[in-house]
C-alpha cells in the first residue's frame, strides 16, 4: 500500500511540473544528495518502520501514534529549529493531543451492542 502511495504521489507531482523545470538542479550534487537523504531517511524509513510496527501493534494503537505526528513534529521544531508557534498552532496541537487522550481513555472498556437483525448480544473491544 505504501508503494502505491509513493507511486501515485510521484505521478501527481510529475503532472504538475513543466519539462524545462523538472530537473533544474542539474549537476548540483549537494542538492541531489539532500534530496536522496530526505527520500531514504524520513520518507522510506518512516513509512517502512510504521508498516513494520503493524506486526507488533494493533492498528488502532498505530493509528493513534500516527495521529500524534503533526503535534509532536511541531513540538520538536520548537526545540530543534527554534520555531515559534502562534495561538492557532498551539490550539491545533492541543486538540490533537486531547483527541488522542479521549480516544485512548475509552480503549479498555467493552461496549455492548445489540444487533437489530437477530437480537443477539455482541461484545466489541474498542
PDB file of N, CA and C in Angstrom:
ATOM      1  N   UNK A   1       0.824  -1.185   0.000  1.00  0.00           N
ATOM      2  CA  UNK A   1       0.000   0.000   0.000  1.00  0.00           C
ATOM      3  C   UNK A   1       0.869   1.250   0.000  1.00  0.00           C
ATOM      4  N   UNK A   2       1.938   1.257   0.764  1.00  0.00           N
ATOM      5  CA  UNK A   2       2.820   2.413   0.809  1.00  0.00           C
ATOM      6  C   UNK A   2       3.480   2.638  -0.545  1.00  0.00           C
ATOM      7  N   UNK A   3       3.860   1.567  -1.219  1.00  0.00           N
ATOM      8  CA  UNK A   3       4.487   1.702  -2.537  1.00  0.00           C
ATOM      9  C   UNK A   3       3.531   2.361  -3.522  1.00  0.00           C
ATOM     10  N   UNK A   4       2.260   1.978  -3.482  1.00  0.00           N
ATOM     11  CA  UNK A   4       1.280   2.606  -4.358  1.00  0.00           C
ATOM     12  C   UNK A   4       1.100   4.081  -4.010  1.00  0.00           C
ATOM     13  N   UNK A   5       1.122   4.390  -2.737  1.00  0.00           N
ATOM     14  CA  UNK A   5       1.008   5.784  -2.312  1.00  0.00           C
ATOM     15  C   UNK A   5       2.139   6.633  -2.864  1.00  0.00           C
ATOM     16  N   UNK A   6       3.368   6.111  -2.755  1.00  0.00           N
ATOM     17  CA  UNK A   6       4.516   6.838  -3.300  1.00  0.00           C
ATOM     18  C   UNK A   6       4.434   6.938  -4.818  1.00  0.00           C
ATOM     19  N   UNK A   7       3.974   5.874  -5.466  1.00  0.00           N
ATOM     20  CA  UNK A   7       3.882   5.874  -6.922  1.00  0.00           C
ATOM     21  C   UNK A   7       2.890   6.937  -7.408  1.00  0.00           C
ATOM     22  N   UNK A   8       1.696   6.958  -6.820  1.00  0.00           N
ATOM     23  CA  UNK A   8       0.698   7.927  -7.245  1.00  0.00           C
ATOM     24  C   UNK A   8       1.101   9.354  -6.878  1.00  0.00           C
ATOM     25  N   UNK A   9       1.798   9.528  -5.751  1.00  0.00           N
ATOM     26  CA  UNK A   9       2.290  10.858  -5.387  1.00  0.00           C
ATOM     27  C   UNK A   9       3.329  11.336  -6.395  1.00  0.00           C
ATOM     28  N   UNK A  10       4.216  10.442  -6.823  1.00  0.00           N
ATOM     29  CA  UNK A  10       5.225  10.809  -7.814  1.00  0.00           C
ATOM     30  C   UNK A  10       4.581  11.151  -9.152  1.00  0.00           C
ATOM     31  N   UNK A  11       3.573  10.383  -9.547  1.00  0.00           N
ATOM     32  CA  UNK A  11       2.875  10.675 -10.806  1.00  0.00           C
ATOM     33  C   UNK A  11       2.162  12.022 -10.707  1.00  0.00           C
ATOM     34  N   UNK A  12       1.487  12.259  -9.600  1.00  0.00           N
ATOM     35  CA  UNK A  12       0.800  13.534  -9.413  1.00  0.00           C
ATOM     36  C   UNK A  12       1.764  14.708  -9.402  1.00  0.00           C
ATOM     37  N   UNK A  13       2.895  14.536  -8.738  1.00  0.00           N
ATOM     38  CA  UNK A  13       3.896  15.591  -8.723  1.00  0.00           C
ATOM     39  C   UNK A  13       4.478  15.810 -10.113  1.00  0.00           C
ATOM     40  N   UNK A  14       4.702  14.730 -10.835  1.00  0.00           N
ATOM     41  CA  UNK A  14       5.230  14.843 -12.192  1.00  0.00           C
ATOM     42  C   UNK A  14       4.276  15.566 -13.122  1.00  0.00           C
ATOM     43  N   UNK A  15       2.992  15.392 -12.908  1.00  0.00           N
ATOM     44  CA  UNK A  15       1.997  16.052 -13.755  1.00  0.00           C
ATOM     45  C   UNK A  15       1.937  17.561 -13.507  1.00  0.00           C
ATOM     46  N   UNK A  16       2.404  18.000 -12.356  1.00  0.00           N
ATOM     47  CA  UNK A  16       2.363  19.422 -12.044  1.00  0.00           C
ATOM     48  C   UNK A  16       3.620  20.157 -12.465  1.00  0.00           C
ATOM     49  N   UNK A  17       4.622  19.447 -12.973  1.00  0.00           N
ATOM     50  CA  UNK A  17       5.896  20.054 -13.345  1.00  0.00           C
ATOM     51  C   UNK A  17       5.975  20.286 -14.845  1.00  0.00           C
ATOM     52  N   UNK A  18       6.702  21.324 -15.218  1.00  0.00           N
ATOM     53  CA  UNK A  18       6.992  21.560 -16.627  1.00  0.00           C
ATOM     54  C   UNK A  18       8.281  20.828 -16.978  1.00  0.00           C
ATOM     55  N   UNK A  19       8.411  20.390 -18.211  1.00  0.00           N
ATOM     56  CA  UNK A  19       9.596  19.640 -18.629  1.00  0.00           C
ATOM     57  C   UNK A  19      10.873  20.468 -18.512  1.00  0.00           C
ATOM     58  N   UNK A  20      10.806  21.772 -18.739  1.00  0.00           N
ATOM     59  CA  UNK A  20      12.016  22.585 -18.657  1.00  0.00           C
ATOM     60  C   UNK A  20      12.473  22.839 -17.220  1.00  0.00           C
ATOM     61  N   UNK A  21      11.597  22.587 -16.224  1.00  0.00           N
ATOM     62  CA  UNK A  21      11.983  22.780 -14.822  1.00  0.00           C
ATOM     63  C   UNK A  21      11.993  21.479 -14.027  1.00  0.00           C
ATOM     64  N   UNK A  22      11.828  20.355 -14.703  1.00  0.00           N
ATOM     65  CA  UNK A  22      11.719  19.081 -13.994  1.00  0.00           C
ATOM     66  C   UNK A  22      13.000  18.717 -13.257  1.00  0.00           C
ATOM     67  N   UNK A  23      14.129  18.841 -13.921  1.00  0.00           N
ATOM     68  CA  UNK A  23      15.417  18.503 -13.298  1.00  0.00           C
ATOM     69  C   UNK A  23      16.307  19.742 -13.287  1.00  0.00           C
ATOM     70  N   UNK A  24      15.864  20.798 -12.627  1.00  0.00           N
ATOM     71  CA  UNK A  24      16.594  22.056 -12.654  1.00  0.00           C
ATOM     72  C   UNK A  24      17.833  22.052 -11.773  1.00  0.00           C
ATOM     73  N   UNK A  25      18.017  21.041 -10.933  1.00  0.00           N
ATOM     74  CA  UNK A  25      19.222  21.014 -10.104  1.00  0.00           C
ATOM     75  C   UNK A  25      20.446  20.661 -10.935  1.00  0.00           C
ATOM     76  N   UNK A  26      20.243  20.073 -12.087  1.00  0.00           N
ATOM     77  CA  UNK A  26      21.366  19.772 -12.974  1.00  0.00           C
ATOM     78  C   UNK A  26      22.444  18.950 -12.287  1.00  0.00           C
ATOM     79  N   UNK A  27      23.648  19.493 -12.228  1.00  0.00           N
ATOM     80  CA  UNK A  27      24.771  18.776 -11.610  1.00  0.00           C
ATOM     81  C   UNK A  27      25.091  19.321 -10.224  1.00  0.00           C
ATOM     82  N   UNK A  28      24.152  19.997  -9.608  1.00  0.00           N
ATOM     83  CA  UNK A  28      24.336  20.483  -8.236  1.00  0.00           C
ATOM     84  C   UNK A  28      24.200  19.286  -7.299  1.00  0.00           C
ATOM     85  N   UNK A  29      25.306  18.578  -7.130  1.00  0.00           N
ATOM     86  CA  UNK A  29      25.269  17.306  -6.398  1.00  0.00           C
ATOM     87  C   UNK A  29      24.847  17.458  -4.947  1.00  0.00           C
ATOM     88  N   UNK A  30      25.136  18.588  -4.328  1.00  0.00           N
ATOM     89  CA  UNK A  30      24.702  18.759  -2.936  1.00  0.00           C
ATOM     90  C   UNK A  30      23.178  18.756  -2.831  1.00  0.00           C
ATOM     91  N   UNK A  31      22.501  19.321  -3.825  1.00  0.00           N
ATOM     92  CA  UNK A  31      21.037  19.288  -3.846  1.00  0.00           C
ATOM     93  C   UNK A  31      20.506  17.882  -4.041  1.00  0.00           C
ATOM     94  N   UNK A  32      21.124  17.133  -4.943  1.00  0.00           N
ATOM     95  CA  UNK A  32      20.704  15.744  -5.171  1.00  0.00           C
ATOM     96  C   UNK A  32      20.965  14.874  -3.943  1.00  0.00           C
ATOM     97  N   UNK A  33      22.056  15.120  -3.241  1.00  0.00           N
ATOM     98  CA  UNK A  33      22.369  14.342  -2.030  1.00  0.00           C
ATOM     99  C   UNK A  33      21.336  14.628  -0.944  1.00  0.00           C
ATOM    100  N   UNK A  34      20.997  15.896  -0.770  1.00  0.00           N
ATOM    101  CA  UNK A  34      19.973  16.248   0.216  1.00  0.00           C
ATOM    102  C   UNK A  34      18.637  15.601  -0.153  1.00  0.00           C
ATOM    103  N   UNK A  35      18.295  15.632  -1.434  1.00  0.00           N
ATOM    104  CA  UNK A  35      17.057  15.006  -1.893  1.00  0.00           C
ATOM    105  C   UNK A  35      17.062  13.503  -1.618  1.00  0.00           C
ATOM    106  N   UNK A  36      18.190  12.838  -1.874  1.00  0.00           N
ATOM    107  CA  UNK A  36      18.300  11.398  -1.618  1.00  0.00           C
ATOM    108  C   UNK A  36      18.187  11.093  -0.124  1.00  0.00           C
ATOM    109  N   UNK A  37      18.833  11.913   0.693  1.00  0.00           N
ATOM    110  CA  UNK A  37      18.757  11.710   2.146  1.00  0.00           C
ATOM    111  C   UNK A  37      17.324  11.859   2.633  1.00  0.00           C
ATOM    112  N   UNK A  38      16.621  12.872   2.120  1.00  0.00           N
ATOM    113  CA  UNK A  38      15.223  13.065   2.516  1.00  0.00           C
ATOM    114  C   UNK A  38      14.329  11.936   2.022  1.00  0.00           C
ATOM    115  N   UNK A  39      14.638  11.394   0.852  1.00  0.00           N
ATOM    116  CA  UNK A  39      13.831  10.291   0.318  1.00  0.00           C
ATOM    117  C   UNK A  39      14.057   9.018   1.120  1.00  0.00           C
ATOM    118  N   UNK A  40      15.297   8.742   1.462  1.00  0.00           N
ATOM    119  CA  UNK A  40      15.618   7.493   2.164  1.00  0.00           C
ATOM    120  C   UNK A  40      15.299   7.600   3.652  1.00  0.00           C
ATOM    121  N   UNK A  41      15.678   8.689   4.273  1.00  0.00           N
ATOM    122  CA  UNK A  41      15.516   8.835   5.716  1.00  0.00           C
ATOM    123  C   UNK A  41      14.078   8.957   6.160  1.00  0.00           C
ATOM    124  N   UNK A  42      13.542  10.162   6.161  1.00  0.00           N
ATOM    125  CA  UNK A  42      12.201  10.348   6.720  1.00  0.00           C
ATOM    126  C   UNK A  42      11.109   9.620   5.952  1.00  0.00           C
ATOM    127  N   UNK A  43      11.199   9.591   4.642  1.00  0.00           N
ATOM    128  CA  UNK A  43      10.107   9.010   3.865  1.00  0.00           C
ATOM    129  C   UNK A  43      10.139   7.491   3.889  1.00  0.00           C
ATOM    130  N   UNK A  44      11.152   6.908   3.292  1.00  0.00           N
ATOM    131  CA  UNK A  44      11.202   5.452   3.150  1.00  0.00           C
ATOM    132  C   UNK A  44      11.321   4.754   4.497  1.00  0.00           C
ATOM    133  N   UNK A  45      12.235   5.215   5.337  1.00  0.00           N
ATOM    134  CA  UNK A  45      12.398   4.566   6.638  1.00  0.00           C
ATOM    135  C   UNK A  45      11.196   4.812   7.547  1.00  0.00           C
ATOM    136  N   UNK A  46      10.649   6.025   7.496  1.00  0.00           N
ATOM    137  CA  UNK A  46       9.492   6.324   8.339  1.00  0.00           C
ATOM    138  C   UNK A  46       8.296   5.461   8.010  1.00  0.00           C
ATOM    139  N   UNK A  47       7.948   5.400   6.730  1.00  0.00           N
ATOM    140  CA  UNK A  47       6.809   4.569   6.336  1.00  0.00           C
ATOM    141  C   UNK A  47       7.120   3.084   6.493  1.00  0.00           C
ATOM    142  N   UNK A  48       8.356   2.709   6.240  1.00  0.00           N
ATOM    143  CA  UNK A  48       8.740   1.306   6.409  1.00  0.00           C
ATOM    144  C   UNK A  48       8.634   0.861   7.854  1.00  0.00           C
ATOM    145  N   UNK A  49       9.137   1.683   8.778  1.00  0.00           N
ATOM    146  CA  UNK A  49       9.045   1.339  10.201  1.00  0.00           C
ATOM    147  C   UNK A  49       7.601   1.357  10.693  1.00  0.00           C
ATOM    148  N   UNK A  50       6.798   2.288  10.161  1.00  0.00           N
ATOM    149  CA  UNK A  50       5.374   2.302  10.527  1.00  0.00           C
ATOM    150  C   UNK A  50       4.700   1.010  10.074  1.00  0.00           C
ATOM    151  N   UNK A  51       4.975   0.582   8.848  1.00  0.00           N
ATOM    152  CA  UNK A  51       4.396  -0.657   8.338  1.00  0.00           C
ATOM    153  C   UNK A  51       4.886  -1.855   9.140  1.00  0.00           C
ATOM    154  N   UNK A  52       6.162  -1.862   9.488  1.00  0.00           N
ATOM    155  CA  UNK A  52       6.717  -2.939  10.303  1.00  0.00           C
ATOM    156  C   UNK A  52       6.095  -2.962  11.696  1.00  0.00           C
ATOM    157  N   UNK A  53       5.791  -1.798  12.244  1.00  0.00           N
ATOM    158  CA  UNK A  53       5.201  -1.746  13.590  1.00  0.00           C
ATOM    159  C   UNK A  53       3.818  -2.380  13.632  1.00  0.00           C
ATOM    160  N   UNK A  54       3.149  -2.452  12.480  1.00  0.00           N
ATOM    161  CA  UNK A  54       1.821  -3.061  12.458  1.00  0.00           C
ATOM    162  C   UNK A  54       1.872  -4.556  12.752  1.00  0.00           C
ATOM    163  N   UNK A  55       3.045  -5.158  12.650  1.00  0.00           N
ATOM    164  CA  UNK A  55       3.187  -6.569  13.049  1.00  0.00           C
ATOM    165  C   UNK A  55       3.103  -6.736  14.557  1.00  0.00           C
ATOM    166  N   UNK A  56       3.498  -5.703  15.286  1.00  0.00           N
ATOM    167  CA  UNK A  56       3.612  -5.805  16.729  1.00  0.00           C
ATOM    168  C   UNK A  56       2.562  -5.004  17.483  1.00  0.00           C
ATOM    169  N   UNK A  57       1.933  -4.056  16.836  1.00  0.00           N
ATOM    170  CA  UNK A  57       0.925  -3.223  17.473  1.00  0.00           C
ATOM    171  C   UNK A  57      -0.424  -3.444  16.814  1.00  0.00           C
ATOM    172  N   UNK A  58      -1.480  -3.187  17.559  1.00  0.00           N
ATOM    173  CA  UNK A  58      -2.804  -3.190  16.959  1.00  0.00           C
ATOM    174  C   UNK A  58      -2.907  -1.979  16.042  1.00  0.00           C
ATOM    175  N   UNK A  59      -3.707  -2.103  15.020  1.00  0.00           N
ATOM    176  CA  UNK A  59      -3.877  -0.998  14.072  1.00  0.00           C
ATOM    177  C   UNK A  59      -4.404   0.252  14.764  1.00  0.00           C
ATOM    178  N   UNK A  60      -5.262   0.076  15.760  1.00  0.00           N
ATOM    179  CA  UNK A  60      -5.810   1.237  16.464  1.00  0.00           C
ATOM    180  C   UNK A  60      -4.719   1.989  17.229  1.00  0.00           C
ATOM    181  N   UNK A  61      -3.783   1.262  17.828  1.00  0.00           N
ATOM    182  CA  UNK A  61      -2.681   1.896  18.553  1.00  0.00           C
ATOM    183  C   UNK A  61      -1.747   2.603  17.572  1.00  0.00           C
ATOM    184  N   UNK A  62      -1.430   1.935  16.471  1.00  0.00           N
ATOM    185  CA  UNK A  62      -0.544   2.536  15.475  1.00  0.00           C
ATOM    186  C   UNK A  62      -1.165   3.794  14.871  1.00  0.00           C
ATOM    187  N   UNK A  63      -2.455   3.783  14.649  1.00  0.00           N
ATOM    188  CA  UNK A  63      -3.102   4.971  14.078  1.00  0.00           C
ATOM    189  C   UNK A  63      -3.151   6.114  15.088  1.00  0.00           C
ATOM    190  N   UNK A  64      -3.281   5.806  16.362  1.00  0.00           N
ATOM    191  CA  UNK A  64      -3.226   6.857  17.384  1.00  0.00           C
ATOM    192  C   UNK A  64      -1.840   7.485  17.436  1.00  0.00           C
ATOM    193  N   UNK A  65      -0.810   6.663  17.351  1.00  0.00           N
ATOM    194  CA  UNK A  65       0.551   7.190  17.333  1.00  0.00           C
ATOM    195  C   UNK A  65       0.770   8.037  16.087  1.00  0.00           C
ATOM    196  N   UNK A  66       0.253   7.590  14.945  1.00  0.00           N
ATOM    197  CA  UNK A  66       0.386   8.356  13.706  1.00  0.00           C
ATOM    198  C   UNK A  66      -0.380   9.671  13.794  1.00  0.00           C
ATOM    199  N   UNK A  67      -1.489   9.689  14.508  1.00  0.00           N
ATOM    200  CA  UNK A  67      -2.259  10.922  14.660  1.00  0.00           C
ATOM    201  C   UNK A  67      -1.493  11.973  15.461  1.00  0.00           C
ATOM    202  N   UNK A  68      -0.579  11.528  16.305  1.00  0.00           N
ATOM    203  CA  UNK A  68       0.228  12.451  17.104  1.00  0.00           C
ATOM    204  C   UNK A  68       1.356  13.100  16.305  1.00  0.00           C
ATOM    205  N   UNK A  69       1.620  12.609  15.114  1.00  0.00           N
ATOM    206  CA  UNK A  69       2.774  13.074  14.339  1.00  0.00           C
ATOM    207  C   UNK A  69       2.803  14.583  14.122  1.00  0.00           C
ATOM    208  N   UNK A  70       1.717  15.236  13.686  1.00  0.00           N
ATOM    209  CA  UNK A  70       1.804  16.688  13.477  1.00  0.00           C
ATOM    210  C   UNK A  70       2.107  17.467  14.760  1.00  0.00           C
ATOM    211  N   UNK A  71       1.467  17.087  15.851  1.00  0.00           N
ATOM    212  CA  UNK A  71       1.687  17.802  17.111  1.00  0.00           C
ATOM    213  C   UNK A  71       3.110  17.583  17.615  1.00  0.00           C
ATOM    214  N   UNK A  72       3.587  16.351  17.569  1.00  0.00           N
ATOM    215  CA  UNK A  72       4.939  16.072  18.041  1.00  0.00           C
ATOM    216  C   UNK A  72       5.992  16.704  17.137  1.00  0.00           C
ATOM    217  N   UNK A  73       5.723  16.772  15.843  1.00  0.00           N
ATOM    218  CA  UNK A  73       6.647  17.427  14.928  1.00  0.00           C
ATOM    219  C   UNK A  73       6.751  18.907  15.243  1.00  0.00           C
ATOM    220  N   UNK A  74       5.637  19.541  15.517  1.00  0.00           N
ATOM    221  CA  UNK A  74       5.650  20.964  15.873  1.00  0.00           C
ATOM    222  C   UNK A  74       6.409  21.196  17.172  1.00  0.00           C
ATOM    223  N   UNK A  75       6.215  20.330  18.143  1.00  0.00           N
ATOM    224  CA  UNK A  75       6.916  20.469  19.426  1.00  0.00           C
ATOM    225  C   UNK A  75       8.410  20.245  19.240  1.00  0.00           C
ATOM    226  N   UNK A  76       8.789  19.258  18.422  1.00  0.00           N
ATOM    227  CA  UNK A  76      10.214  19.041  18.146  1.00  0.00           C
ATOM    228  C   UNK A  76      10.822  20.232  17.429  1.00  0.00           C
ATOM    229  N   UNK A  77      10.066  20.873  16.542  1.00  0.00           N
ATOM    230  CA  UNK A  77      10.568  22.037  15.806  1.00  0.00           C
ATOM    231  C   UNK A  77      10.858  23.201  16.744  1.00  0.00           C
ATOM    232  N   UNK A  78      10.122  23.292  17.841  1.00  0.00           N
ATOM    233  CA  UNK A  78      10.386  24.350  18.824  1.00  0.00           C
ATOM    234  C   UNK A  78      11.788  24.183  19.393  1.00  0.00           C
ATOM    235  N   UNK A  79      12.137  22.956  19.757  1.00  0.00           N
ATOM    236  CA  UNK A  79      13.422  22.714  20.397  1.00  0.00           C
ATOM    237  C   UNK A  79      14.577  22.614  19.398  1.00  0.00           C
ATOM    238  N   UNK A  80      14.355  21.955  18.276  1.00  0.00           N
ATOM    239  CA  UNK A  80      15.441  21.724  17.328  1.00  0.00           C
ATOM    240  C   UNK A  80      15.681  22.886  16.375  1.00  0.00           C
ATOM    241  N   UNK A  81      14.613  23.559  15.961  1.00  0.00           N
ATOM    242  CA  UNK A  81      14.733  24.604  14.949  1.00  0.00           C
ATOM    243  C   UNK A  81      14.407  25.996  15.483  1.00  0.00           C
ATOM    244  N   UNK A  82      14.139  26.089  16.785  1.00  0.00           N
ATOM    245  CA  UNK A  82      13.797  27.369  17.421  1.00  0.00           C
ATOM    246  C   UNK A  82      12.564  28.012  16.783  1.00  0.00           C
ATOM    247  N   UNK A  83      11.593  27.180  16.388  1.00  0.00           N
ATOM    248  CA  UNK A  83      10.339  27.679  15.819  1.00  0.00           C
ATOM    249  C   UNK A  83       9.490  28.303  16.917  1.00  0.00           C
ATOM    250  N   UNK A  84       8.661  29.230  16.525  1.00  0.00           N
ATOM    251  CA  UNK A  84       7.711  29.857  17.438  1.00  0.00           C
ATOM    252  C   UNK A  84       6.314  29.588  16.888  1.00  0.00           C
ATOM    253  N   UNK A  85       5.484  28.927  17.697  1.00  0.00           N
ATOM    254  CA  UNK A  85       4.127  28.613  17.273  1.00  0.00           C
ATOM    255  C   UNK A  85       3.184  29.732  17.673  1.00  0.00           C
ATOM    256  N   UNK A  86       2.225  30.026  16.803  1.00  0.00           N
ATOM    257  CA  UNK A  86       1.216  31.020  17.168  1.00  0.00           C
ATOM    258  C   UNK A  86       0.050  30.315  17.872  1.00  0.00           C
ATOM    259  N   UNK A  87      -0.958  31.083  18.223  1.00  0.00           N
ATOM    260  CA  UNK A  87      -2.072  30.544  19.017  1.00  0.00           C
ATOM    261  C   UNK A  87      -2.831  29.445  18.284  1.00  0.00           C
ATOM    262  N   UNK A  88      -3.038  29.618  16.983  1.00  0.00           N
ATOM    263  CA  UNK A  88      -3.772  28.603  16.213  1.00  0.00           C
ATOM    264  C   UNK A  88      -3.002  27.294  16.160  1.00  0.00           C
ATOM    265  N   UNK A  89      -1.698  27.373  16.053  1.00  0.00           N
ATOM    266  CA  UNK A  89      -0.892  26.149  16.004  1.00  0.00           C
ATOM    267  C   UNK A  89      -0.895  25.436  17.348  1.00  0.00           C
ATOM    268  N   UNK A  90      -0.798  26.202  18.443  1.00  0.00           N
ATOM    269  CA  UNK A  90      -0.892  25.586  19.766  1.00  0.00           C
ATOM    270  C   UNK A  90      -2.265  24.964  19.987  1.00  0.00           C
ATOM    271  N   UNK A  91      -3.304  25.649  19.519  1.00  0.00           N
ATOM    272  CA  UNK A  91      -4.661  25.116  19.644  1.00  0.00           C
ATOM    273  C   UNK A  91      -4.789  23.812  18.855  1.00  0.00           C
ATOM    274  N   UNK A  92      -4.268  23.787  17.647  1.00  0.00           N
ATOM    275  CA  UNK A  92      -4.317  22.570  16.841  1.00  0.00           C
ATOM    276  C   UNK A  92      -3.587  21.415  17.502  1.00  0.00           C
ATOM    277  N   UNK A  93      -2.383  21.691  18.017  1.00  0.00           N
ATOM    278  CA  UNK A  93      -1.628  20.638  18.707  1.00  0.00           C
ATOM    279  C   UNK A  93      -2.370  20.160  19.944  1.00  0.00           C
ATOM    280  N   UNK A  94      -2.962  21.098  20.678  1.00  0.00           N
ATOM    281  CA  UNK A  94      -3.731  20.721  21.870  1.00  0.00           C
ATOM    282  C   UNK A  94      -4.954  19.888  21.536  1.00  0.00           C
ATOM    283  N   UNK A  95      -5.644  20.238  20.456  1.00  0.00           N
ATOM    284  CA  UNK A  95      -6.815  19.460  20.044  1.00  0.00           C
ATOM    285  C   UNK A  95      -6.424  18.046  19.624  1.00  0.00           C
ATOM    286  N   UNK A  96      -5.305  17.925  18.924  1.00  0.00           N
ATOM    287  CA  UNK A  96      -4.830  16.586  18.538  1.00  0.00           C
ATOM    288  C   UNK A  96      -4.513  15.762  19.777  1.00  0.00           C
ATOM    289  N   UNK A  97      -3.771  16.339  20.710  1.00  0.00           N
ATOM    290  CA  UNK A  97      -3.427  15.611  21.939  1.00  0.00           C
ATOM    291  C   UNK A  97      -4.680  15.253  22.735  1.00  0.00           C
ATOM    292  N   UNK A  98      -5.631  16.184  22.836  1.00  0.00           N
ATOM    293  CA  UNK A  98      -6.864  15.910  23.569  1.00  0.00           C
ATOM    294  C   UNK A  98      -7.671  14.800  22.909  1.00  0.00           C
ATOM    295  N   UNK A  99      -7.721  14.806  21.582  1.00  0.00           N
ATOM    296  CA  UNK A  99      -8.459  13.763  20.870  1.00  0.00           C
ATOM    297  C   UNK A  99      -7.837  12.391  21.088  1.00  0.00           C
ATOM    298  N   UNK A 100      -6.520  12.321  21.043  1.00  0.00           N
ATOM    299  CA  UNK A 100      -5.844  11.036  21.257  1.00  0.00           C
ATOM    300  C   UNK A 100      -6.069  10.547  22.683  1.00  0.00           C
ATOM    301  N   UNK A 101      -5.981  11.460  23.650  1.00  0.00           N
ATOM    302  CA  UNK A 101      -6.221  11.076  25.050  1.00  0.00           C
ATOM    303  C   UNK A 101      -7.660  10.617  25.234  1.00  0.00           C
ATOM    304  N   UNK A 102      -8.611  11.321  24.625  1.00  0.00           N
ATOM    305  CA  UNK A 102     -10.021  10.955  24.728  1.00  0.00           C
ATOM    306  C   UNK A 102     -10.282   9.581  24.130  1.00  0.00           C
ATOM    307  N   UNK A 103      -9.736   9.311  22.973  1.00  0.00           N
ATOM    308  CA  UNK A 103      -9.938   8.013  22.327  1.00  0.00           C
ATOM    309  C   UNK A 103      -9.250   6.910  23.125  1.00  0.00           C
ATOM    310  N   UNK A 104      -8.052   7.180  23.619  1.00  0.00           N
ATOM    311  CA  UNK A 104      -7.301   6.165  24.359  1.00  0.00           C
ATOM    312  C   UNK A 104      -7.933   5.870  25.707  1.00  0.00           C
ATOM    313  N   UNK A 105      -8.579   6.834  26.327  1.00  0.00           N
ATOM    314  CA  UNK A 105      -9.156   6.611  27.656  1.00  0.00           C
ATOM    315  C   UNK A 105     -10.305   5.610  27.618  1.00  0.00           C
ATOM    316  N   UNK A 106     -10.972   5.459  26.486  1.00  0.00           N
ATOM    317  CA  UNK A 106     -12.068   4.504  26.365  1.00  0.00           C
ATOM    318  C   UNK A 106     -11.631   3.178  25.768  1.00  0.00           C
ATOM    319  N   UNK A 107     -10.350   3.011  25.476  1.00  0.00           N
ATOM    320  CA  UNK A 107      -9.919   1.821  24.734  1.00  0.00           C
ATOM    321  C   UNK A 107     -10.019   0.536  25.540  1.00  0.00           C
ATOM    322  N   UNK A 108      -9.972   0.595  26.864  1.00  0.00           N
ATOM    323  CA  UNK A 108     -10.031  -0.620  27.650  1.00  0.00           C
ATOM    324  C   UNK A 108     -11.433  -1.079  27.980  1.00  0.00           C
ATOM    325  N   UNK A 109     -12.415  -0.254  27.719  1.00  0.00           N
ATOM    326  CA  UNK A 109     -13.785  -0.597  28.061  1.00  0.00           C
ATOM    327  C   UNK A 109     -14.418  -1.450  26.978  1.00  0.00           C
ATOM    328  N   UNK A 110     -15.320  -2.315  27.404  1.00  0.00           N
ATOM    329  CA  UNK A 110     -16.062  -3.134  26.441  1.00  0.00           C
ATOM    330  C   UNK A 110     -17.405  -2.467  26.175  1.00  0.00           C
ATOM    331  N   UNK A 111     -17.776  -2.476  24.950  1.00  0.00           N
ATOM    332  CA  UNK A 111     -19.043  -1.875  24.549  1.00  0.00           C
ATOM    333  C   UNK A 111     -19.996  -2.992  24.166  1.00  0.00           C
ATOM    334  N   UNK A 112     -21.160  -2.981  24.764  1.00  0.00           N
ATOM    335  CA  UNK A 112     -22.173  -3.965  24.410  1.00  0.00           C
ATOM    336  C   UNK A 112     -23.073  -3.377  23.345  1.00  0.00           C
ATOM    337  N   UNK A 113     -23.194  -4.092  22.250  1.00  0.00           N
ATOM    338  CA  UNK A 113     -24.071  -3.645  21.171  1.00  0.00           C
ATOM    339  C   UNK A 113     -25.049  -4.763  20.855  1.00  0.00           C
ATOM    340  N   UNK A 114     -26.265  -4.391  20.665  1.00  0.00           N
ATOM    341  CA  UNK A 114     -27.280  -5.356  20.319  1.00  0.00           C
ATOM    342  C   UNK A 114     -27.640  -5.168  18.852  1.00  0.00           C
ATOM    343  N   UNK A 115     -27.521  -6.243  18.087  1.00  0.00           N
ATOM    344  CA  UNK A 115     -27.823  -6.126  16.667  1.00  0.00           C
ATOM    345  C   UNK A 115     -29.323  -6.099  16.462  1.00  0.00           C
ATOM    346  N   UNK A 116     -29.754  -5.417  15.440  1.00  0.00           N
ATOM    347  CA  UNK A 116     -31.184  -5.312  15.174  1.00  0.00           C
ATOM    348  C   UNK A 116     -31.700  -6.492  14.363  1.00  0.00           C
ATOM    349  N   UNK A 117     -30.817  -7.203  13.704  1.00  0.00           N
ATOM    350  CA  UNK A 117     -31.252  -8.304  12.842  1.00  0.00           C
ATOM    351  C   UNK A 117     -31.732  -9.505  13.651  1.00  0.00           C
ATOM    352  N   UNK A 118     -30.861 -10.036  14.495  1.00  0.00           N
ATOM    353  CA  UNK A 118     -31.228 -11.270  15.175  1.00  0.00           C
ATOM    354  C   UNK A 118     -31.273 -11.111  16.698  1.00  0.00           C
ATOM    355  N   UNK A 119     -31.177  -9.903  17.199  1.00  0.00           N
ATOM    356  CA  UNK A 119     -31.336  -9.592  18.622  1.00  0.00           C
ATOM    357  C   UNK A 119     -30.365 -10.345  19.523  1.00  0.00           C
ATOM    358  N   UNK A 120     -29.191 -10.686  19.025  1.00  0.00           N
ATOM    359  CA  UNK A 120     -28.215 -11.333  19.905  1.00  0.00           C
ATOM    360  C   UNK A 120     -27.236 -10.294  20.425  1.00  0.00           C
ATOM    361  N   UNK A 121     -26.678 -10.567  21.592  1.00  0.00           N
ATOM    362  CA  UNK A 121     -25.766  -9.639  22.249  1.00  0.00           C
ATOM    363  C   UNK A 121     -24.352  -9.839  21.700  1.00  0.00           C
ATOM    364  N   UNK A 122     -23.709  -8.745  21.322  1.00  0.00           N
ATOM    365  CA  UNK A 122     -22.348  -8.809  20.765  1.00  0.00           C
ATOM    366  C   UNK A 122     -21.467  -7.927  21.618  1.00  0.00           C
ATOM    367  N   UNK A 123     -20.316  -8.460  22.056  1.00  0.00           N
ATOM    368  CA  UNK A 123     -19.349  -7.659  22.799  1.00  0.00           C
ATOM    369  C   UNK A 123     -18.244  -7.257  21.855  1.00  0.00           C
ATOM    370  N   UNK A 124     -17.911  -5.960  21.860  1.00  0.00           N
ATOM    371  CA  UNK A 124     -16.902  -5.435  20.965  1.00  0.00           C
ATOM    372  C   UNK A 124     -15.854  -4.713  21.787  1.00  0.00           C
ATOM    373  N   UNK A 125     -14.583  -5.032  21.561  1.00  0.00           N
ATOM    374  CA  UNK A 125     -13.497  -4.269  22.179  1.00  0.00           C
ATOM    375  C   UNK A 125     -13.254  -3.023  21.349  1.00  0.00           C
ATOM    376  N   UNK A 126     -13.228  -1.882  22.016  1.00  0.00           N
ATOM    377  CA  UNK A 126     -12.987  -0.624  21.302  1.00  0.00           C
ATOM    378  C   UNK A 126     -11.606  -0.125  21.625  1.00  0.00           C
TER     379      UNK A 126
END
